[in-house]
Amino acid sequence: MKIGVVAPARGIDAALAARAQGLAAVVAPEVDLVVHPQCFVSDGHFAGSDAVRTAAFVELANDPTIDAIWFARGGYGSNRILQAAIPALGAAARRKTYLGFSDMGFLLGALYAARIGQPVHGPMVSTAGSGDGGIGFSRALLWLTRKDRSVLEPGLDGRPAAAFNLAILTGLIGSPWLPDLTDHVLIVEEVSEPLYRIDRMLFTMAHATQLKGIAGVRLGQITEVQANEPVWGETIETMITRWCGEMRVPYLGRAEIGHYRGNRVVPFGVA
């Protein structure tokens, strides 16, 4: 199996790429982990200009010898390539799995909206350097190579699901790149935000006409919460329950996804 690694937002360095390839050789020796040179390009915040990142993603997605795309890391930037990249994807791109999360939610959502391939929310190549002993990296690789159901988010119940970072979801609302999530369980997570901003994003989610018809909402991990001044007076559970009430959908409880070591795999649609 051949897995292509590309960086549509921020890049990785050669040392991390080498560690990832070493871990892959141990976990799944049958895999050829092909890291595109674009992953090492630096252009300010980004792993190359918008044009460079677009070209690398389209090249690997349209390569018929590559079976899956595993995103290198998150950071901001993948939304800036959607307009050029999605229309350029051909037949080979439609047969692939695409795995990542956080900022890569822009691409996962756009691919799902266009019915291209199998988007999957899960750990990225950068987890090879997370210090967790390769657990998150292995979890993603086991899904890509063997569809090992032990790595799935344990609350998936047979209904179609989709998972997003909350900031990315609200960034997609109102755009043509947000997929139709009718009858889906929507799972959201967030990192490095104060609770008032999370509350504001939940307001946007709750009143988005594009999200009418979802089956319910589950809440992933809310990590590295920034301090509020004055202290915020509600828990995240209170907030999500209130906004689900305004959305008129059930709040279905917690989920094991997010910016933490327990981040599990959520294929878009039915696992």
C-alpha atoms as a PDB file:
ATOM      1  CA  MET A   1       0.000   0.000   0.000  1.00  0.00           C
ATOM      2  CA  LYS A   2       1.199   3.480  -0.874  1.00  0.00           C
ATOM      3  CA  ILE A   3       0.191   6.430   1.329  1.00  0.00           C
ATOM      4  CA  GLY A   4       0.958   9.975   0.236  1.00  0.00           C
ATOM      5  CA  VAL A   5       1.748  12.691   2.780  1.00  0.00           C
ATOM      6  CA  VAL A   6       1.047  16.314   1.893  1.00  0.00           C
ATOM      7  CA  ALA A   7       0.803  19.547   3.903  1.00  0.00           C
ATOM      8  CA  PRO A   8      -2.077  21.806   2.765  1.00  0.00           C
ATOM      9  CA  ALA A   9      -1.525  24.239   5.659  1.00  0.00           C
ATOM     10  CA  ARG A  10       1.692  24.187   7.705  1.00  0.00           C
ATOM     11  CA  GLY A  11       4.629  21.905   7.097  1.00  0.00           C
ATOM     12  CA  ILE A  12       6.824  19.414   8.941  1.00  0.00           C
ATOM     13  CA  ASP A  13      10.582  19.008   8.988  1.00  0.00           C
ATOM     14  CA  ALA A  14      12.727  16.203   7.638  1.00  0.00           C
ATOM     15  CA  ALA A  15      13.414  14.765  11.097  1.00  0.00           C
ATOM     16  CA  LEU A  16       9.711  14.320  11.816  1.00  0.00           C
ATOM     17  CA  ALA A  17       9.155  12.811   8.369  1.00  0.00           C
ATOM     18  CA  ALA A  18      11.953  10.305   8.993  1.00  0.00           C
ATOM     19  CA  ARG A  19      10.464   9.399  12.378  1.00  0.00           C
ATOM     20  CA  ALA A  20       7.069   8.887  10.748  1.00  0.00           C
ATOM     21  CA  GLN A  21       8.518   6.627   8.092  1.00  0.00           C
ATOM     22  CA  GLY A  22      10.337   4.621  10.760  1.00  0.00           C
ATOM     23  CA  LEU A  23       7.157   4.195  12.824  1.00  0.00           C
ATOM     24  CA  ALA A  24       5.222   3.192   9.715  1.00  0.00           C
ATOM     25  CA  ALA A  25       7.814   0.507   8.932  1.00  0.00           C
ATOM     26  CA  VAL A  26       7.192  -1.009  12.374  1.00  0.00           C
ATOM     27  CA  VAL A  27       3.393  -0.694  12.542  1.00  0.00           C
ATOM     28  CA  ALA A  28       2.607  -1.544   8.911  1.00  0.00           C
ATOM     29  CA  PRO A  29       5.647  -2.876   7.035  1.00  0.00           C
ATOM     30  CA  GLU A  30       3.587  -3.250   3.877  1.00  0.00           C
ATOM     31  CA  VAL A  31       3.199   0.549   3.632  1.00  0.00           C
ATOM     32  CA  ASP A  32       5.285   2.852   1.488  1.00  0.00           C
ATOM     33  CA  LEU A  33       4.871   6.240   3.184  1.00  0.00           C
ATOM     34  CA  VAL A  34       5.633   8.801   0.478  1.00  0.00           C
ATOM     35  CA  VAL A  35       6.284  12.282   1.876  1.00  0.00           C
ATOM     36  CA  HIS A  36       5.902  14.972  -0.771  1.00  0.00           C
ATOM     37  CA  PRO A  37       8.821  17.469  -0.775  1.00  0.00           C
ATOM     38  CA  GLN A  38       6.271  20.262  -0.442  1.00  0.00           C
ATOM     39  CA  CYS A  39       5.901  19.272   3.231  1.00  0.00           C
ATOM     40  CA  PHE A  40       9.337  20.819   3.877  1.00  0.00           C
ATOM     41  CA  VAL A  41       8.738  24.106   2.050  1.00  0.00           C
ATOM     42  CA  SER A  42       8.394  27.247   4.154  1.00  0.00           C
ATOM     43  CA  ASP A  43       6.616  30.399   3.014  1.00  0.00           C
ATOM     44  CA  GLY A  44       5.921  32.391   6.168  1.00  0.00           C
ATOM     45  CA  HIS A  45       3.155  30.612   8.064  1.00  0.00           C
ATOM     46  CA  PHE A  46       2.511  28.156   5.242  1.00  0.00           C
ATOM     47  CA  ALA A  47       4.163  25.084   3.738  1.00  0.00           C
ATOM     48  CA  GLY A  48       4.615  26.902   0.458  1.00  0.00           C
ATOM     49  CA  SER A  49       2.424  29.390  -1.363  1.00  0.00           C
ATOM     50  CA  ASP A  50      -1.240  28.633  -2.010  1.00  0.00           C
ATOM     51  CA  ALA A  51      -0.283  27.540  -5.540  1.00  0.00           C
ATOM     52  CA  VAL A  52       2.477  25.227  -4.285  1.00  0.00           C
ATOM     53  CA  ARG A  53       0.222  23.611  -1.691  1.00  0.00           C
ATOM     54  CA  THR A  54      -2.582  23.202  -4.208  1.00  0.00           C
ATOM     55  CA  ALA A  55      -0.293  21.591  -6.780  1.00  0.00           C
ATOM     56  CA  ALA A  56       1.133  19.106  -4.275  1.00  0.00           C
ATOM     57  CA  PHE A  57      -2.283  18.039  -2.989  1.00  0.00           C
ATOM     58  CA  VAL A  58      -3.749  17.664  -6.481  1.00  0.00           C
ATOM     59  CA  GLU A  59      -0.668  15.766  -7.679  1.00  0.00           C
ATOM     60  CA  LEU A  60      -0.920  13.133  -4.944  1.00  0.00           C
ATOM     61  CA  ALA A  61      -4.717  12.934  -5.019  1.00  0.00           C
ATOM     62  CA  ASN A  62      -4.727  12.324  -8.779  1.00  0.00           C
ATOM     63  CA  ASP A  63      -1.848   9.826  -8.673  1.00  0.00           C
ATOM     64  CA  PRO A  64      -3.375   6.375  -9.367  1.00  0.00           C
ATOM     65  CA  THR A  65      -0.462   4.615  -7.645  1.00  0.00           C
ATOM     66  CA  ILE A  66      -1.288   6.222  -4.282  1.00  0.00           C
ATOM     67  CA  ASP A  67      -4.020   4.574  -2.229  1.00  0.00           C
ATOM     68  CA  ALA A  68      -4.601   7.180   0.505  1.00  0.00           C
ATOM     69  CA  ILE A  69      -3.681  10.732   1.495  1.00  0.00           C
ATOM     70  CA  TRP A  70      -2.531  11.307   5.073  1.00  0.00           C
ATOM     71  CA  PHE A  71      -2.254  14.968   5.953  1.00  0.00           C
ATOM     72  CA  ALA A  72       1.025  16.017   7.556  1.00  0.00           C
ATOM     73  CA  ARG A  73      -0.316  18.459  10.128  1.00  0.00           C
ATOM     74  CA  GLY A  74      -2.852  21.202  10.760  1.00  0.00           C
ATOM     75  CA  GLY A  75      -2.415  24.890  11.352  1.00  0.00           C
ATOM     76  CA  TYR A  76      -4.237  27.440   9.242  1.00  0.00           C
ATOM     77  CA  GLY A  77      -4.319  27.341   5.456  1.00  0.00           C
ATOM     78  CA  SER A  78      -6.186  24.468   3.807  1.00  0.00           C
ATOM     79  CA  ASN A  79      -9.271  26.614   3.151  1.00  0.00           C
ATOM     80  CA  ARG A  80      -7.186  28.792   0.843  1.00  0.00           C
ATOM     81  CA  ILE A  81      -6.673  25.958  -1.655  1.00  0.00           C
ATOM     82  CA  LEU A  82     -10.257  24.651  -1.899  1.00  0.00           C
ATOM     83  CA  GLN A  83     -11.359  26.828  -4.813  1.00  0.00           C
ATOM     84  CA  ALA A  84      -8.504  25.645  -7.020  1.00  0.00           C
ATOM     85  CA  ALA A  85      -7.968  22.121  -5.737  1.00  0.00           C
ATOM     86  CA  ILE A  86     -11.403  20.499  -5.531  1.00  0.00           C
ATOM     87  CA  PRO A  87     -12.395  21.058  -9.202  1.00  0.00           C
ATOM     88  CA  ALA A  88      -8.990  19.704 -10.302  1.00  0.00           C
ATOM     89  CA  LEU A  89      -9.504  16.273  -8.728  1.00  0.00           C
ATOM     90  CA  GLY A  90     -10.036  13.392 -11.141  1.00  0.00           C
ATOM     91  CA  ALA A  91     -11.046   9.748 -11.111  1.00  0.00           C
ATOM     92  CA  ALA A  92      -8.075   8.519  -9.059  1.00  0.00           C
ATOM     93  CA  ALA A  93      -8.847  11.041  -6.317  1.00  0.00           C
ATOM     94  CA  ARG A  94     -12.334   9.574  -5.918  1.00  0.00           C
ATOM     95  CA  ARG A  95     -10.952   6.183  -4.871  1.00  0.00           C
ATOM     96  CA  LYS A  96      -8.803   7.433  -1.996  1.00  0.00           C
ATOM     97  CA  THR A  97      -9.130   7.805   1.761  1.00  0.00           C
ATOM     98  CA  TYR A  98      -8.161  11.240   3.153  1.00  0.00           C
ATOM     99  CA  LEU A  99      -7.212  11.374   6.820  1.00  0.00           C
ATOM    100  CA  GLY A 100      -6.555  14.332   9.122  1.00  0.00           C
ATOM    101  CA  PHE A 101      -8.320  16.732  11.451  1.00  0.00           C
ATOM    102  CA  SER A 102      -8.229  20.284  12.850  1.00  0.00           C
ATOM    103  CA  ASP A 103      -7.601  22.699   9.937  1.00  0.00           C
ATOM    104  CA  MET A 104      -7.805  19.725   7.558  1.00  0.00           C
ATOM    105  CA  GLY A 105     -11.529  19.768   8.307  1.00  0.00           C
ATOM    106  CA  PHE A 106     -11.829  22.330   5.511  1.00  0.00           C
ATOM    107  CA  LEU A 107     -10.602  19.712   3.031  1.00  0.00           C
ATOM    108  CA  LEU A 108     -12.493  16.820   4.620  1.00  0.00           C
ATOM    109  CA  GLY A 109     -15.721  18.806   4.475  1.00  0.00           C
ATOM    110  CA  ALA A 110     -15.166  19.929   0.883  1.00  0.00           C
ATOM    111  CA  LEU A 111     -14.304  16.402  -0.243  1.00  0.00           C
ATOM    112  CA  TYR A 112     -17.410  15.021   1.452  1.00  0.00           C
ATOM    113  CA  ALA A 113     -19.574  17.743  -0.102  1.00  0.00           C
ATOM    114  CA  ALA A 114     -18.187  16.856  -3.544  1.00  0.00           C
ATOM    115  CA  ARG A 115     -18.509  13.099  -2.878  1.00  0.00           C
ATOM    116  CA  ILE A 116     -14.816  12.585  -3.520  1.00  0.00           C
ATOM    117  CA  GLY A 117     -13.176   9.654  -1.736  1.00  0.00           C
ATOM    118  CA  GLN A 118     -13.569   8.789   1.948  1.00  0.00           C
ATOM    119  CA  PRO A 119     -12.786  11.675   4.314  1.00  0.00           C
ATOM    120  CA  VAL A 120     -11.746  10.559   7.814  1.00  0.00           C
ATOM    121  CA  HIS A 121     -11.202  12.608  10.979  1.00  0.00           C
ATOM    122  CA  GLY A 122      -8.188  11.241  12.850  1.00  0.00           C
ATOM    123  CA  PRO A 123      -4.573  11.719  13.967  1.00  0.00           C
ATOM    124  CA  MET A 124      -2.136  13.195  11.472  1.00  0.00           C
ATOM    125  CA  VAL A 125       1.443  12.336  10.546  1.00  0.00           C
ATOM    126  CA  SER A 126       2.679  15.004  12.975  1.00  0.00           C
ATOM    127  CA  THR A 127       1.625  12.782  15.885  1.00  0.00           C
ATOM    128  CA  ALA A 128       4.815  10.823  15.206  1.00  0.00           C
ATOM    129  CA  GLY A 129       6.516  13.569  17.211  1.00  0.00           C
ATOM    130  CA  SER A 130       3.896  13.935  19.939  1.00  0.00           C
ATOM    131  CA  GLY A 131       5.727  11.889  22.566  1.00  0.00           C
ATOM    132  CA  ASP A 132       2.862   9.426  23.026  1.00  0.00           C
ATOM    133  CA  GLY A 133       4.928   6.427  21.977  1.00  0.00           C
ATOM    134  CA  GLY A 134       3.395   6.342  18.508  1.00  0.00           C
ATOM    135  CA  ILE A 135      -0.103   5.477  19.782  1.00  0.00           C
ATOM    136  CA  GLY A 136      -2.006   8.142  17.845  1.00  0.00           C
ATOM    137  CA  PHE A 137       0.103   7.621  14.735  1.00  0.00           C
ATOM    138  CA  SER A 138      -0.501   3.868  14.885  1.00  0.00           C
ATOM    139  CA  ARG A 139      -4.231   4.377  15.418  1.00  0.00           C
ATOM    140  CA  ALA A 140      -4.544   6.317  12.168  1.00  0.00           C
ATOM    141  CA  LEU A 141      -2.286   3.970  10.238  1.00  0.00           C
ATOM    142  CA  LEU A 142      -4.266   0.917  11.362  1.00  0.00           C
ATOM    143  CA  TRP A 143      -7.413   2.473   9.924  1.00  0.00           C
ATOM    144  CA  LEU A 144      -5.732   3.428   6.653  1.00  0.00           C
ATOM    145  CA  THR A 145      -4.222   0.010   6.111  1.00  0.00           C
ATOM    146  CA  ARG A 146      -6.591  -2.497   7.729  1.00  0.00           C
ATOM    147  CA  LYS A 147      -9.827  -0.664   8.571  1.00  0.00           C
ATOM    148  CA  ASP A 148      -9.220  -1.846  12.135  1.00  0.00           C
ATOM    149  CA  ARG A 149     -12.467  -1.036  13.951  1.00  0.00           C
ATOM    150  CA  SER A 150     -10.757  -0.968  17.346  1.00  0.00           C
ATOM    151  CA  VAL A 151      -9.433   2.528  16.531  1.00  0.00           C
ATOM    152  CA  LEU A 152     -12.871   4.013  15.841  1.00  0.00           C
ATOM    153  CA  GLU A 153     -14.533   6.505  18.163  1.00  0.00           C
ATOM    154  CA  PRO A 154     -16.439   4.141  20.477  1.00  0.00           C
ATOM    155  CA  GLY A 155     -19.717   6.082  20.379  1.00  0.00           C
ATOM    156  CA  LEU A 156     -20.276   5.589  16.638  1.00  0.00           C
ATOM    157  CA  ASP A 157     -23.600   3.784  16.481  1.00  0.00           C
ATOM    158  CA  GLY A 158     -24.223   2.922  12.845  1.00  0.00           C
ATOM    159  CA  ARG A 159     -25.712   6.289  11.942  1.00  0.00           C
ATOM    160  CA  PRO A 160     -23.709   8.491   9.568  1.00  0.00           C
ATOM    161  CA  ALA A 161     -21.343  10.831  11.401  1.00  0.00           C
ATOM    162  CA  ALA A 162     -19.003  13.731  10.694  1.00  0.00           C
ATOM    163  CA  ALA A 163     -16.423  15.335  12.980  1.00  0.00           C
ATOM    164  CA  PHE A 164     -15.010  18.859  12.924  1.00  0.00           C
ATOM    165  CA  ASN A 165     -13.035  21.317  14.953  1.00  0.00           C
ATOM    166  CA  LEU A 166     -15.675  23.866  15.945  1.00  0.00           C
ATOM    167  CA  ALA A 167     -13.790  26.862  14.494  1.00  0.00           C
ATOM    168  CA  ILE A 168     -13.408  25.041  11.177  1.00  0.00           C
ATOM    169  CA  LEU A 169     -17.086  24.069  11.143  1.00  0.00           C
ATOM    170  CA  THR A 170     -18.174  27.664  11.690  1.00  0.00           C
ATOM    171  CA  GLY A 171     -15.727  28.738   8.985  1.00  0.00           C
ATOM    172  CA  LEU A 172     -17.456  26.365   6.549  1.00  0.00           C
ATOM    173  CA  ILE A 173     -20.971  27.560   7.383  1.00  0.00           C
ATOM    174  CA  GLY A 174     -22.316  29.720   4.577  1.00  0.00           C
ATOM    175  CA  SER A 175     -19.779  28.360   2.086  1.00  0.00           C
ATOM    176  CA  PRO A 176     -20.322  25.795  -0.687  1.00  0.00           C
ATOM    177  CA  TRP A 177     -17.791  23.523   1.018  1.00  0.00           C
ATOM    178  CA  LEU A 178     -19.988  22.521   3.966  1.00  0.00           C
ATOM    179  CA  PRO A 179     -21.473  19.108   3.137  1.00  0.00           C
ATOM    180  CA  ASP A 180     -25.102  18.142   3.558  1.00  0.00           C
ATOM    181  CA  LEU A 181     -25.159  16.585   7.037  1.00  0.00           C
ATOM    182  CA  THR A 182     -28.848  15.689   7.112  1.00  0.00           C
ATOM    183  CA  ASP A 183     -29.379  12.686   9.437  1.00  0.00           C
ATOM    184  CA  HIS A 184     -25.720  12.765  10.533  1.00  0.00           C
ATOM    185  CA  VAL A 185     -24.455  12.855  14.096  1.00  0.00           C
ATOM    186  CA  LEU A 186     -22.235  15.943  14.227  1.00  0.00           C
ATOM    187  CA  ILE A 187     -19.207  15.669  16.532  1.00  0.00           C
ATOM    188  CA  VAL A 188     -17.298  18.839  17.444  1.00  0.00           C
ATOM    189  CA  GLU A 189     -14.102  19.608  19.389  1.00  0.00           C
ATOM    190  CA  GLU A 190     -12.005  22.692  20.113  1.00  0.00           C
ATOM    191  CA  VAL A 191      -8.568  23.776  21.323  1.00  0.00           C
ATOM    192  CA  SER A 192      -6.923  26.957  22.646  1.00  0.00           C
ATOM    193  CA  GLU A 193     -10.027  29.131  22.892  1.00  0.00           C
ATOM    194  CA  PRO A 194     -11.656  30.939  25.816  1.00  0.00           C
ATOM    195  CA  LEU A 195     -15.124  29.714  26.680  1.00  0.00           C
ATOM    196  CA  TYR A 196     -16.856  32.871  25.478  1.00  0.00           C
ATOM    197  CA  ARG A 197     -15.520  32.245  21.961  1.00  0.00           C
ATOM    198  CA  ILE A 198     -16.640  28.626  22.118  1.00  0.00           C
ATOM    199  CA  ASP A 199     -20.085  29.861  23.164  1.00  0.00           C
ATOM    200  CA  ARG A 200     -20.120  32.245  20.192  1.00  0.00           C
ATOM    201  CA  MET A 201     -19.191  29.461  17.786  1.00  0.00           C
ATOM    202  CA  LEU A 202     -21.890  27.225  19.248  1.00  0.00           C
ATOM    203  CA  PHE A 203     -24.388  30.025  18.575  1.00  0.00           C
ATOM    204  CA  THR A 204     -23.319  30.043  14.923  1.00  0.00           C
ATOM    205  CA  MET A 205     -23.623  26.261  14.729  1.00  0.00           C
ATOM    206  CA  ALA A 206     -27.035  26.248  16.390  1.00  0.00           C
ATOM    207  CA  HIS A 207     -28.548  28.784  14.004  1.00  0.00           C
ATOM    208  CA  ALA A 208     -26.935  27.678  10.728  1.00  0.00           C
ATOM    209  CA  THR A 209     -29.615  26.857   8.182  1.00  0.00           C
ATOM    210  CA  GLN A 210     -27.169  24.496   6.440  1.00  0.00           C
ATOM    211  CA  LEU A 211     -27.177  22.272   9.534  1.00  0.00           C
ATOM    212  CA  LYS A 212     -30.926  21.835   9.808  1.00  0.00           C
ATOM    213  CA  GLY A 213     -31.795  18.155   9.775  1.00  0.00           C
ATOM    214  CA  ILE A 214     -28.794  16.745  11.632  1.00  0.00           C
ATOM    215  CA  ALA A 215     -29.543  13.813  13.942  1.00  0.00           C
ATOM    216  CA  GLY A 216     -27.792  15.258  16.976  1.00  0.00           C
ATOM    217  CA  VAL A 217     -24.572  16.663  18.382  1.00  0.00           C
ATOM    218  CA  ARG A 218     -21.779  15.038  20.363  1.00  0.00           C
ATOM    219  CA  LEU A 219     -19.005  16.945  22.095  1.00  0.00           C
ATOM    220  CA  GLY A 220     -15.377  15.944  21.790  1.00  0.00           C
ATOM    221  CA  GLN A 221     -12.536  17.259  23.916  1.00  0.00           C
ATOM    222  CA  ILE A 222     -12.237  20.958  24.714  1.00  0.00           C
ATOM    223  CA  THR A 223      -8.537  21.361  25.477  1.00  0.00           C
ATOM    224  CA  GLU A 224      -6.112  24.119  26.461  1.00  0.00           C
ATOM    225  CA  VAL A 225      -8.989  26.444  27.339  1.00  0.00           C
ATOM    226  CA  GLN A 226      -7.780  30.044  27.577  1.00  0.00           C
ATOM    227  CA  ALA A 227      -8.607  32.044  30.710  1.00  0.00           C
ATOM    228  CA  ASN A 228     -11.604  34.339  30.770  1.00  0.00           C
ATOM    229  CA  GLU A 229     -11.577  37.694  32.549  1.00  0.00           C
ATOM    230  CA  PRO A 230     -13.930  37.798  34.371  1.00  0.00           C
ATOM    231  CA  VAL A 231     -14.271  34.085  35.036  1.00  0.00           C
ATOM    232  CA  TRP A 232     -16.785  32.412  32.730  1.00  0.00           C
ATOM    233  CA  GLY A 233     -19.817  31.194  34.671  1.00  0.00           C
ATOM    234  CA  GLU A 234     -20.887  28.125  32.703  1.00  0.00           C
ATOM    235  CA  THR A 235     -19.486  24.659  32.077  1.00  0.00           C
ATOM    236  CA  ILE A 236     -19.010  23.399  28.550  1.00  0.00           C
ATOM    237  CA  GLU A 237     -21.751  20.821  29.208  1.00  0.00           C
ATOM    238  CA  THR A 238     -24.197  23.583  30.120  1.00  0.00           C
ATOM    239  CA  MET A 239     -23.277  25.508  26.985  1.00  0.00           C
ATOM    240  CA  ILE A 240     -23.614  22.631  24.537  1.00  0.00           C
ATOM    241  CA  THR A 241     -26.912  21.513  26.092  1.00  0.00           C
ATOM    242  CA  ARG A 242     -28.354  25.027  25.837  1.00  0.00           C
ATOM    243  CA  TRP A 243     -27.328  25.526  22.213  1.00  0.00           C
ATOM    244  CA  CYS A 244     -28.559  22.068  21.181  1.00  0.00           C
ATOM    245  CA  GLY A 245     -31.866  23.100  22.724  1.00  0.00           C
ATOM    246  CA  GLU A 246     -31.996  26.197  20.515  1.00  0.00           C
ATOM    247  CA  MET A 247     -30.961  24.047  17.564  1.00  0.00           C
ATOM    248  CA  ARG A 248     -33.767  21.620  18.419  1.00  0.00           C
ATOM    249  CA  VAL A 249     -31.550  18.575  18.155  1.00  0.00           C
ATOM    250  CA  PRO A 250     -30.558  16.144  20.901  1.00  0.00           C
ATOM    251  CA  TYR A 251     -27.269  16.488  22.718  1.00  0.00           C
ATOM    252  CA  LEU A 252     -25.885  12.947  22.580  1.00  0.00           C
ATOM    253  CA  GLY A 253     -22.990  13.180  25.043  1.00  0.00           C
ATOM    254  CA  ARG A 254     -19.206  13.177  24.876  1.00  0.00           C
ATOM    255  CA  ALA A 255     -16.869  11.775  22.238  1.00  0.00           C
ATOM    256  CA  GLU A 256     -13.221  10.703  22.165  1.00  0.00           C
ATOM    257  CA  ILE A 257     -11.914  13.091  19.532  1.00  0.00           C
ATOM    258  CA  GLY A 258      -9.884  16.271  19.691  1.00  0.00           C
ATOM    259  CA  HIS A 259      -6.471  17.785  20.252  1.00  0.00           C
ATOM    260  CA  TYR A 260      -5.321  15.195  22.763  1.00  0.00           C
ATOM    261  CA  ARG A 261      -3.676  11.795  22.825  1.00  0.00           C
ATOM    262  CA  GLY A 262      -6.968   9.904  22.867  1.00  0.00           C
ATOM    263  CA  ASN A 263      -8.079  11.295  19.493  1.00  0.00           C
ATOM    264  CA  ARG A 264      -9.997   8.470  17.794  1.00  0.00           C
ATOM    265  CA  VAL A 265     -10.979   7.855  14.191  1.00  0.00           C
ATOM    266  CA  VAL A 266     -14.284   9.050  12.690  1.00  0.00           C
ATOM    267  CA  PRO A 267     -14.948   8.218   9.036  1.00  0.00           C
ATOM    268  CA  PHE A 268     -17.422  10.628   7.452  1.00  0.00           C
ATOM    269  CA  GLY A 269     -20.663   8.826   6.700  1.00  0.00           C
ATOM    270  CA  VAL A 270     -21.164   5.341   8.060  1.00  0.00           C
ATOM    271  CA  ALA A 271     -18.071   3.610   9.453  1.00  0.00           C
END
